[in-house]
């Protein structure tokens, strides 16, 4: 059933079950009337009571309580910082070597396919659709001006500088 639903068990649990089956098999060899779960019940209860003793659980919770109060006090700050990081990561383009070229490459492939269809007298609607896809991909892949002030500085100073330099005085 676990294989059918693709459930994966930790290795320690598999080894523990294997050990229990081995112990039960050896116990039945020596004493066929032995009831292993009944014999182990008292020891398992003792171990579980030591592990999950309410006093120990409360004591361990009390050690973590100051940190929990601090987190509750700073929860708005933590949430806003987390949202800021999430938003900044969403705005970043995905990493990759073809990040800015992907749309242009796809547009080029569409143009090549359109040229082949047109050259071999294919149906007009096939090459027309590929041509439109190529245009849309190229328009979509154009980088957007992320810093308008830098773009305006570039337009004002870099492009207009030669015009100002060669401009006749008094005109």
N, C-alpha and C. Protein backbone atom coordinates (compact mmCIF):
# COMPACT_ATOMS: atom_id res chain seq x y z
N UNK A 1 0.82 -1.19 0.00
CA UNK A 1 0.00 0.00 0.00
C UNK A 1 0.87 1.26 0.00
N UNK A 2 1.96 1.23 0.76
CA UNK A 2 2.85 2.39 0.78
C UNK A 2 3.50 2.60 -0.59
N UNK A 3 3.82 1.53 -1.28
CA UNK A 3 4.39 1.64 -2.62
C UNK A 3 3.37 2.16 -3.61
N UNK A 4 2.13 1.77 -3.46
CA UNK A 4 1.08 2.22 -4.37
C UNK A 4 0.87 3.72 -4.25
N UNK A 5 0.88 4.25 -3.02
CA UNK A 5 0.68 5.68 -2.79
C UNK A 5 1.99 6.45 -2.70
N UNK A 6 3.11 5.79 -2.97
CA UNK A 6 4.45 6.38 -2.97
C UNK A 6 4.76 7.07 -1.65
N UNK A 7 4.52 6.37 -0.56
CA UNK A 7 4.85 6.87 0.77
C UNK A 7 6.26 6.40 1.11
N UNK A 8 7.09 7.31 1.57
CA UNK A 8 8.47 6.97 1.91
C UNK A 8 8.62 7.05 3.43
N UNK A 9 9.17 5.99 4.00
CA UNK A 9 9.39 5.92 5.44
C UNK A 9 10.86 6.21 5.75
N UNK A 10 11.12 6.85 6.89
CA UNK A 10 12.53 7.05 7.29
C UNK A 10 13.19 5.70 7.56
N UNK A 11 14.48 5.65 7.33
CA UNK A 11 15.23 4.41 7.50
C UNK A 11 15.20 3.87 8.92
N UNK A 12 15.16 4.78 9.92
CA UNK A 12 15.15 4.32 11.31
C UNK A 12 13.88 3.54 11.63
N UNK A 13 12.75 3.96 11.07
CA UNK A 13 11.49 3.27 11.34
C UNK A 13 11.52 1.88 10.69
N UNK A 14 12.04 1.80 9.49
CA UNK A 14 12.12 0.51 8.81
C UNK A 14 13.00 -0.44 9.61
N UNK A 15 14.14 0.04 10.09
CA UNK A 15 15.02 -0.81 10.89
C UNK A 15 14.38 -1.21 12.21
N UNK A 16 13.62 -0.30 12.84
CA UNK A 16 12.97 -0.63 14.10
C UNK A 16 11.92 -1.73 13.89
N UNK A 17 11.13 -1.62 12.82
CA UNK A 17 10.12 -2.65 12.54
C UNK A 17 10.80 -3.98 12.25
N UNK A 18 11.89 -3.93 11.50
CA UNK A 18 12.64 -5.16 11.19
C UNK A 18 13.17 -5.80 12.48
N UNK A 19 13.69 -4.98 13.41
CA UNK A 19 14.18 -5.49 14.69
C UNK A 19 13.05 -6.10 15.51
N UNK A 20 11.89 -5.43 15.53
CA UNK A 20 10.76 -5.97 16.30
C UNK A 20 10.29 -7.31 15.74
N UNK A 21 10.25 -7.43 14.44
CA UNK A 21 9.84 -8.70 13.82
C UNK A 21 10.86 -9.79 14.15
N UNK A 22 12.15 -9.44 14.11
CA UNK A 22 13.19 -10.42 14.44
C UNK A 22 13.09 -10.85 15.89
N UNK A 23 12.89 -9.89 16.80
CA UNK A 23 12.77 -10.22 18.23
C UNK A 23 11.54 -11.10 18.46
N UNK A 24 10.44 -10.75 17.79
CA UNK A 24 9.23 -11.57 17.97
C UNK A 24 9.44 -12.98 17.42
N UNK A 25 10.14 -13.10 16.31
CA UNK A 25 10.42 -14.43 15.74
C UNK A 25 11.29 -15.26 16.65
N UNK A 26 12.34 -14.66 17.21
CA UNK A 26 13.22 -15.39 18.13
C UNK A 26 12.46 -15.75 19.40
N UNK A 27 11.61 -14.82 19.88
CA UNK A 27 10.82 -15.10 21.08
C UNK A 27 9.87 -16.28 20.86
N UNK A 28 9.27 -16.39 19.67
CA UNK A 28 8.37 -17.51 19.39
C UNK A 28 9.12 -18.82 19.24
N UNK A 29 10.39 -18.75 18.85
CA UNK A 29 11.18 -19.98 18.77
C UNK A 29 11.42 -20.53 20.17
N UNK A 30 11.78 -19.66 21.12
CA UNK A 30 12.06 -20.11 22.48
C UNK A 30 10.80 -20.41 23.27
N UNK A 31 9.75 -19.60 23.07
CA UNK A 31 8.49 -19.80 23.81
C UNK A 31 7.34 -19.49 22.86
N UNK A 32 6.70 -20.53 22.28
CA UNK A 32 5.63 -20.29 21.31
C UNK A 32 4.40 -19.59 21.91
N UNK A 33 4.24 -19.58 23.20
CA UNK A 33 3.08 -18.96 23.85
C UNK A 33 3.31 -17.50 24.24
N UNK A 34 4.48 -16.93 23.94
CA UNK A 34 4.81 -15.57 24.39
C UNK A 34 4.01 -14.54 23.60
N UNK A 35 3.59 -13.49 24.30
CA UNK A 35 2.87 -12.36 23.69
C UNK A 35 3.77 -11.14 23.80
N UNK A 36 4.52 -10.84 22.75
CA UNK A 36 5.51 -9.77 22.77
C UNK A 36 4.88 -8.40 23.05
N UNK A 37 3.77 -8.01 22.40
CA UNK A 37 3.19 -6.69 22.73
C UNK A 37 2.80 -6.56 24.20
N UNK A 38 2.25 -7.63 24.80
CA UNK A 38 1.87 -7.57 26.21
C UNK A 38 3.11 -7.47 27.10
N UNK A 39 4.16 -8.20 26.74
CA UNK A 39 5.39 -8.18 27.55
C UNK A 39 6.09 -6.82 27.44
N UNK A 40 5.99 -6.16 26.28
CA UNK A 40 6.70 -4.89 26.08
C UNK A 40 5.87 -3.68 26.52
N UNK A 41 4.58 -3.87 26.78
CA UNK A 41 3.70 -2.74 27.08
C UNK A 41 4.19 -1.93 28.28
N UNK A 42 4.57 -2.59 29.35
CA UNK A 42 4.99 -1.89 30.57
C UNK A 42 6.26 -1.06 30.30
N UNK A 43 7.21 -1.61 29.54
CA UNK A 43 8.46 -0.89 29.26
C UNK A 43 8.22 0.30 28.31
N UNK A 44 7.33 0.09 27.34
CA UNK A 44 7.03 1.17 26.39
C UNK A 44 6.32 2.31 27.11
N UNK A 45 5.39 1.98 28.02
CA UNK A 45 4.70 3.03 28.78
C UNK A 45 5.68 3.82 29.64
N UNK A 46 6.65 3.15 30.24
CA UNK A 46 7.65 3.82 31.07
C UNK A 46 8.48 4.79 30.21
N UNK A 47 8.91 4.33 29.05
CA UNK A 47 9.73 5.19 28.17
C UNK A 47 8.91 6.39 27.69
N UNK A 48 7.65 6.15 27.29
CA UNK A 48 6.82 7.25 26.81
C UNK A 48 6.49 8.26 27.91
N UNK A 49 6.28 7.79 29.12
CA UNK A 49 6.00 8.71 30.23
C UNK A 49 7.23 9.55 30.57
N UNK A 50 8.42 8.97 30.44
CA UNK A 50 9.62 9.76 30.67
C UNK A 50 9.83 10.79 29.56
N UNK A 51 9.52 10.39 28.33
CA UNK A 51 9.73 11.29 27.18
C UNK A 51 8.70 12.41 27.15
N UNK A 52 7.45 12.06 27.40
CA UNK A 52 6.36 13.04 27.28
C UNK A 52 5.72 13.35 28.62
N UNK A 53 6.51 13.41 29.65
CA UNK A 53 6.03 13.75 30.97
C UNK A 53 5.52 15.20 30.94
N UNK A 54 4.29 15.44 31.41
CA UNK A 54 3.74 16.80 31.36
C UNK A 54 4.62 17.84 32.05
N UNK A 55 5.27 17.47 33.12
CA UNK A 55 6.14 18.42 33.82
C UNK A 55 7.32 18.81 32.95
N UNK A 56 7.92 17.81 32.26
CA UNK A 56 9.04 18.11 31.37
C UNK A 56 8.59 18.95 30.17
N UNK A 57 7.42 18.65 29.66
CA UNK A 57 6.90 19.42 28.52
C UNK A 57 6.67 20.87 28.93
N UNK A 58 6.09 21.10 30.11
CA UNK A 58 5.85 22.47 30.59
C UNK A 58 7.18 23.18 30.84
N UNK A 59 8.15 22.46 31.42
CA UNK A 59 9.47 23.06 31.69
C UNK A 59 10.16 23.47 30.39
N UNK A 60 10.11 22.61 29.37
CA UNK A 60 10.74 22.94 28.08
C UNK A 60 9.98 24.07 27.39
N UNK A 61 8.67 24.11 27.54
CA UNK A 61 7.88 25.20 26.95
C UNK A 61 8.20 26.52 27.64
N UNK A 62 8.45 26.48 28.93
CA UNK A 62 8.78 27.71 29.66
C UNK A 62 10.12 28.27 29.21
N UNK A 63 11.03 27.41 28.76
CA UNK A 63 12.33 27.88 28.26
C UNK A 63 12.17 28.63 26.94
N UNK A 64 11.19 28.26 26.15
CA UNK A 64 10.98 28.86 24.84
C UNK A 64 10.03 30.06 24.94
N UNK A 65 9.34 30.21 26.03
CA UNK A 65 8.33 31.26 26.20
C UNK A 65 8.85 32.68 25.94
N UNK A 66 10.02 33.08 26.45
CA UNK A 66 10.49 34.45 26.15
C UNK A 66 10.68 34.70 24.65
N UNK A 67 11.18 33.70 23.95
CA UNK A 67 11.35 33.87 22.50
C UNK A 67 10.00 34.00 21.82
N UNK A 68 9.01 33.24 22.25
CA UNK A 68 7.68 33.31 21.66
C UNK A 68 7.04 34.68 21.92
N UNK A 69 7.22 35.22 23.11
CA UNK A 69 6.68 36.55 23.43
C UNK A 69 7.36 37.60 22.56
N UNK A 70 8.67 37.47 22.38
CA UNK A 70 9.41 38.41 21.53
C UNK A 70 8.92 38.34 20.09
N UNK A 71 8.67 37.14 19.59
CA UNK A 71 8.16 36.97 18.23
C UNK A 71 6.77 37.57 18.11
N UNK A 72 5.91 37.35 19.08
CA UNK A 72 4.57 37.93 19.04
C UNK A 72 4.61 39.45 19.08
N UNK A 73 5.57 40.00 19.84
CA UNK A 73 5.68 41.44 19.93
C UNK A 73 6.18 42.04 18.62
N UNK A 74 7.03 41.32 17.92
CA UNK A 74 7.60 41.83 16.67
C UNK A 74 6.93 41.25 15.43
N UNK A 75 5.76 40.66 15.58
CA UNK A 75 5.14 39.95 14.45
C UNK A 75 4.85 40.86 13.27
N UNK A 76 4.41 42.09 13.52
CA UNK A 76 4.13 43.00 12.40
C UNK A 76 5.40 43.35 11.65
N UNK A 77 6.48 43.59 12.39
CA UNK A 77 7.75 43.89 11.75
C UNK A 77 8.24 42.69 10.94
N UNK A 78 8.11 41.51 11.50
CA UNK A 78 8.53 40.30 10.80
C UNK A 78 7.69 40.08 9.55
N UNK A 79 6.38 40.28 9.66
CA UNK A 79 5.51 40.10 8.50
C UNK A 79 5.80 41.11 7.40
N UNK A 80 5.98 42.38 7.77
CA UNK A 80 6.26 43.38 6.74
C UNK A 80 7.62 43.15 6.09
N UNK A 81 8.60 42.75 6.88
CA UNK A 81 9.92 42.45 6.30
C UNK A 81 9.83 41.24 5.37
N UNK A 82 9.08 40.23 5.78
CA UNK A 82 8.90 39.05 4.92
C UNK A 82 8.18 39.40 3.63
N UNK A 83 7.17 40.24 3.71
CA UNK A 83 6.46 40.66 2.49
C UNK A 83 7.35 41.49 1.59
N UNK A 84 8.19 42.33 2.19
CA UNK A 84 9.11 43.15 1.39
C UNK A 84 10.11 42.27 0.64
N UNK A 85 10.65 41.27 1.32
CA UNK A 85 11.59 40.35 0.68
C UNK A 85 10.88 39.56 -0.42
N UNK A 86 9.66 39.12 -0.15
CA UNK A 86 8.90 38.36 -1.14
C UNK A 86 8.63 39.21 -2.36
N UNK A 87 8.22 40.46 -2.17
CA UNK A 87 7.94 41.34 -3.30
C UNK A 87 9.20 41.66 -4.09
N UNK A 88 10.31 41.85 -3.40
CA UNK A 88 11.56 42.14 -4.13
C UNK A 88 12.01 40.93 -4.92
N UNK A 89 11.78 39.72 -4.40
CA UNK A 89 12.14 38.52 -5.14
C UNK A 89 11.21 38.28 -6.32
N UNK A 90 9.96 38.70 -6.21
CA UNK A 90 9.03 38.53 -7.31
C UNK A 90 9.35 39.48 -8.46
N UNK A 91 9.91 40.65 -8.15
CA UNK A 91 10.22 41.62 -9.18
C UNK A 91 11.50 41.28 -9.94
N UNK A 92 12.34 40.43 -9.36
CA UNK A 92 13.58 40.07 -10.02
C UNK A 92 13.30 39.11 -11.16
N UNK A 93 13.99 39.28 -12.28
CA UNK A 93 13.82 38.30 -13.36
C UNK A 93 14.47 36.98 -12.96
N UNK A 94 13.95 35.87 -13.45
CA UNK A 94 14.54 34.60 -13.09
C UNK A 94 15.97 34.50 -13.62
N UNK A 95 16.87 33.89 -12.84
CA UNK A 95 18.25 33.80 -13.29
C UNK A 95 18.38 32.84 -14.47
N UNK A 96 19.27 33.17 -15.36
CA UNK A 96 19.50 32.29 -16.50
C UNK A 96 20.34 32.99 -17.55
N UNK A 97 21.08 32.22 -18.33
CA UNK A 97 21.95 32.84 -19.33
C UNK A 97 21.17 33.47 -20.48
N UNK A 98 19.97 32.99 -20.77
CA UNK A 98 19.19 33.50 -21.90
C UNK A 98 18.07 34.42 -21.43
N UNK A 99 18.28 35.07 -20.30
CA UNK A 99 17.21 35.86 -19.69
C UNK A 99 16.66 36.93 -20.62
N UNK A 100 17.48 37.76 -21.18
CA UNK A 100 17.00 38.84 -22.02
C UNK A 100 16.86 38.45 -23.48
N UNK A 101 17.34 37.28 -23.84
CA UNK A 101 17.40 36.88 -25.24
C UNK A 101 16.30 35.88 -25.61
N UNK A 102 15.64 35.34 -24.62
CA UNK A 102 14.67 34.27 -24.86
C UNK A 102 13.58 34.68 -25.84
N UNK A 103 12.96 35.84 -25.63
CA UNK A 103 11.89 36.30 -26.51
C UNK A 103 12.38 36.57 -27.91
N UNK A 104 13.59 37.13 -28.02
CA UNK A 104 14.16 37.41 -29.34
C UNK A 104 14.47 36.13 -30.08
N UNK A 105 15.00 35.13 -29.36
CA UNK A 105 15.27 33.84 -30.01
C UNK A 105 13.99 33.18 -30.51
N UNK A 106 12.96 33.18 -29.68
CA UNK A 106 11.70 32.58 -30.10
C UNK A 106 11.10 33.34 -31.28
N UNK A 107 11.22 34.66 -31.27
CA UNK A 107 10.72 35.46 -32.40
C UNK A 107 11.50 35.11 -33.66
N UNK A 108 12.81 34.93 -33.54
CA UNK A 108 13.63 34.55 -34.70
C UNK A 108 13.24 33.19 -35.24
N UNK A 109 12.99 32.23 -34.36
CA UNK A 109 12.56 30.90 -34.82
C UNK A 109 11.21 30.98 -35.52
N UNK A 110 10.31 31.81 -34.98
CA UNK A 110 9.01 31.97 -35.63
C UNK A 110 9.18 32.59 -37.01
N UNK A 111 10.08 33.57 -37.15
CA UNK A 111 10.33 34.19 -38.46
C UNK A 111 10.92 33.19 -39.45
N UNK A 112 11.85 32.34 -38.97
CA UNK A 112 12.42 31.32 -39.85
C UNK A 112 11.35 30.32 -40.30
N UNK A 113 10.53 29.87 -39.35
CA UNK A 113 9.46 28.93 -39.71
C UNK A 113 8.49 29.58 -40.68
N UNK A 114 8.18 30.85 -40.46
CA UNK A 114 7.28 31.58 -41.36
C UNK A 114 7.90 31.69 -42.75
N UNK A 115 9.22 31.94 -42.82
CA UNK A 115 9.89 32.05 -44.12
C UNK A 115 9.87 30.72 -44.86
N UNK A 116 10.08 29.62 -44.13
CA UNK A 116 10.03 28.30 -44.78
C UNK A 116 8.64 28.00 -45.31
N UNK A 117 7.63 28.30 -44.50
CA UNK A 117 6.25 28.04 -44.95
C UNK A 117 5.91 28.90 -46.17
N UNK A 118 6.34 30.14 -46.16
CA UNK A 118 6.09 31.05 -47.28
C UNK A 118 6.86 30.59 -48.52
N UNK A 119 8.11 30.13 -48.36
CA UNK A 119 8.93 29.70 -49.49
C UNK A 119 8.38 28.44 -50.15
N UNK A 120 7.81 27.56 -49.36
CA UNK A 120 7.27 26.31 -49.92
C UNK A 120 5.77 26.40 -50.18
N UNK A 121 5.27 27.61 -50.37
CA UNK A 121 3.88 27.87 -50.74
C UNK A 121 2.91 27.22 -49.77
N UNK A 122 3.17 27.41 -48.50
CA UNK A 122 2.28 26.89 -47.47
C UNK A 122 1.06 27.78 -47.33
N UNK A 123 0.12 27.40 -46.51
CA UNK A 123 -1.09 28.21 -46.34
C UNK A 123 -0.74 29.58 -45.74
N UNK A 124 -1.44 30.59 -46.22
CA UNK A 124 -1.14 31.96 -45.80
C UNK A 124 -1.38 32.19 -44.33
N UNK A 125 -2.40 31.50 -43.76
CA UNK A 125 -2.74 31.73 -42.35
C UNK A 125 -1.65 31.17 -41.43
N UNK A 126 -0.92 30.14 -41.86
CA UNK A 126 0.14 29.57 -41.02
C UNK A 126 1.29 30.56 -40.89
N UNK A 127 1.75 31.12 -42.04
CA UNK A 127 2.87 32.05 -41.92
C UNK A 127 2.42 33.38 -41.32
N UNK A 128 1.15 33.76 -41.51
CA UNK A 128 0.66 35.01 -40.92
C UNK A 128 0.62 34.91 -39.39
N UNK A 129 0.17 33.76 -38.90
CA UNK A 129 0.12 33.56 -37.44
C UNK A 129 1.53 33.57 -36.86
N UNK A 130 2.47 32.87 -37.52
CA UNK A 130 3.85 32.86 -37.03
C UNK A 130 4.47 34.26 -37.07
N UNK A 131 4.14 35.04 -38.10
CA UNK A 131 4.64 36.40 -38.19
C UNK A 131 4.11 37.26 -37.04
N UNK A 132 2.82 37.11 -36.73
CA UNK A 132 2.23 37.87 -35.61
C UNK A 132 2.84 37.45 -34.27
N UNK A 133 3.06 36.14 -34.12
CA UNK A 133 3.69 35.66 -32.88
C UNK A 133 5.09 36.24 -32.75
N UNK A 134 5.84 36.28 -33.85
CA UNK A 134 7.19 36.84 -33.82
C UNK A 134 7.17 38.30 -33.42
N UNK A 135 6.24 39.06 -33.98
CA UNK A 135 6.15 40.49 -33.64
C UNK A 135 5.79 40.66 -32.17
N UNK A 136 4.81 39.89 -31.69
CA UNK A 136 4.40 40.01 -30.28
C UNK A 136 5.53 39.62 -29.33
N UNK A 137 6.25 38.55 -29.66
CA UNK A 137 7.37 38.14 -28.81
C UNK A 137 8.45 39.20 -28.76
N UNK A 138 8.74 39.82 -29.90
CA UNK A 138 9.78 40.84 -29.93
C UNK A 138 9.36 42.08 -29.16
N UNK A 139 8.10 42.47 -29.28
CA UNK A 139 7.61 43.63 -28.53
C UNK A 139 7.64 43.34 -27.04
N UNK A 140 7.23 42.15 -26.68
CA UNK A 140 7.18 41.77 -25.26
C UNK A 140 8.57 41.66 -24.64
N UNK A 141 9.58 41.30 -25.44
CA UNK A 141 10.91 41.09 -24.87
C UNK A 141 11.74 42.36 -24.80
N UNK A 142 11.20 43.49 -25.25
CA UNK A 142 11.94 44.75 -25.15
C UNK A 142 12.09 45.13 -23.68
N UNK A 143 13.29 45.53 -23.26
CA UNK A 143 13.45 45.91 -21.85
C UNK A 143 12.70 47.19 -21.54
N UNK A 144 12.08 47.22 -20.40
CA UNK A 144 11.34 48.40 -19.95
C UNK A 144 12.30 49.32 -19.20
N UNK A 145 12.02 50.60 -19.26
CA UNK A 145 12.84 51.56 -18.54
C UNK A 145 12.54 51.43 -17.06
N UNK A 146 13.48 50.86 -16.32
CA UNK A 146 13.24 50.64 -14.89
C UNK A 146 13.56 51.88 -14.07
N UNK A 147 14.38 52.77 -14.61
CA UNK A 147 14.75 53.98 -13.89
C UNK A 147 14.49 55.18 -14.80
N UNK A 148 13.31 55.78 -14.73
CA UNK A 148 12.99 56.90 -15.61
C UNK A 148 13.94 58.09 -15.44
N UNK A 149 14.45 58.34 -14.21
CA UNK A 149 15.36 59.46 -14.00
C UNK A 149 16.66 59.25 -14.76
N UNK A 150 17.15 58.01 -14.75
CA UNK A 150 18.38 57.72 -15.48
C UNK A 150 18.17 57.85 -16.98
N UNK A 151 17.01 57.41 -17.45
CA UNK A 151 16.70 57.54 -18.87
C UNK A 151 16.61 59.01 -19.25
N UNK A 152 15.96 59.82 -18.42
CA UNK A 152 15.84 61.25 -18.69
C UNK A 152 17.21 61.93 -18.67
N UNK A 153 18.06 61.54 -17.72
CA UNK A 153 19.42 62.07 -17.68
C UNK A 153 20.17 61.72 -18.95
N UNK A 154 20.00 60.48 -19.40
CA UNK A 154 20.65 60.04 -20.64
C UNK A 154 20.16 60.87 -21.82
N UNK A 155 18.85 61.08 -21.91
CA UNK A 155 18.30 61.85 -23.02
C UNK A 155 18.75 63.31 -22.96
N UNK A 156 18.76 63.88 -21.76
CA UNK A 156 19.11 65.30 -21.62
C UNK A 156 20.59 65.56 -21.87
N UNK A 157 21.46 64.71 -21.36
CA UNK A 157 22.89 65.01 -21.38
C UNK A 157 23.66 64.30 -22.48
N UNK A 158 23.42 63.03 -22.66
CA UNK A 158 24.24 62.27 -23.61
C UNK A 158 23.80 62.51 -25.04
N UNK A 159 22.52 62.45 -25.30
CA UNK A 159 22.04 62.59 -26.67
C UNK A 159 22.03 64.05 -27.10
N UNK A 160 21.62 64.96 -26.22
CA UNK A 160 21.52 66.36 -26.62
C UNK A 160 22.86 67.09 -26.54
N UNK A 161 23.89 66.47 -25.97
CA UNK A 161 25.18 67.15 -25.86
C UNK A 161 25.78 67.48 -27.22
N UNK A 162 25.84 66.53 -28.17
CA UNK A 162 26.41 66.91 -29.48
C UNK A 162 25.60 68.00 -30.17
N UNK A 163 24.29 68.02 -29.96
CA UNK A 163 23.47 69.06 -30.58
C UNK A 163 23.83 70.41 -30.01
N UNK A 164 24.02 70.48 -28.68
CA UNK A 164 24.41 71.74 -28.04
C UNK A 164 25.82 72.15 -28.45
N UNK A 165 26.69 71.18 -28.64
CA UNK A 165 28.08 71.45 -28.96
C UNK A 165 28.22 72.07 -30.36
N UNK A 166 27.46 71.52 -31.30
CA UNK A 166 27.57 72.01 -32.69
C UNK A 166 26.57 73.12 -33.02
N UNK A 167 25.81 73.53 -32.05
CA UNK A 167 24.83 74.58 -32.26
C UNK A 167 25.53 75.91 -32.43
N UNK A 168 25.07 76.70 -33.37
CA UNK A 168 25.66 78.01 -33.59
C UNK A 168 25.26 78.93 -32.45
N UNK A 169 26.18 79.74 -32.01
CA UNK A 169 25.86 80.69 -30.92
C UNK A 169 24.79 81.68 -31.35
N UNK A 170 23.85 81.94 -30.50
CA UNK A 170 22.79 82.90 -30.76
C UNK A 170 21.60 82.31 -31.48
N UNK A 171 21.60 81.03 -31.78
CA UNK A 171 20.43 80.47 -32.47
C UNK A 171 19.58 79.67 -31.54
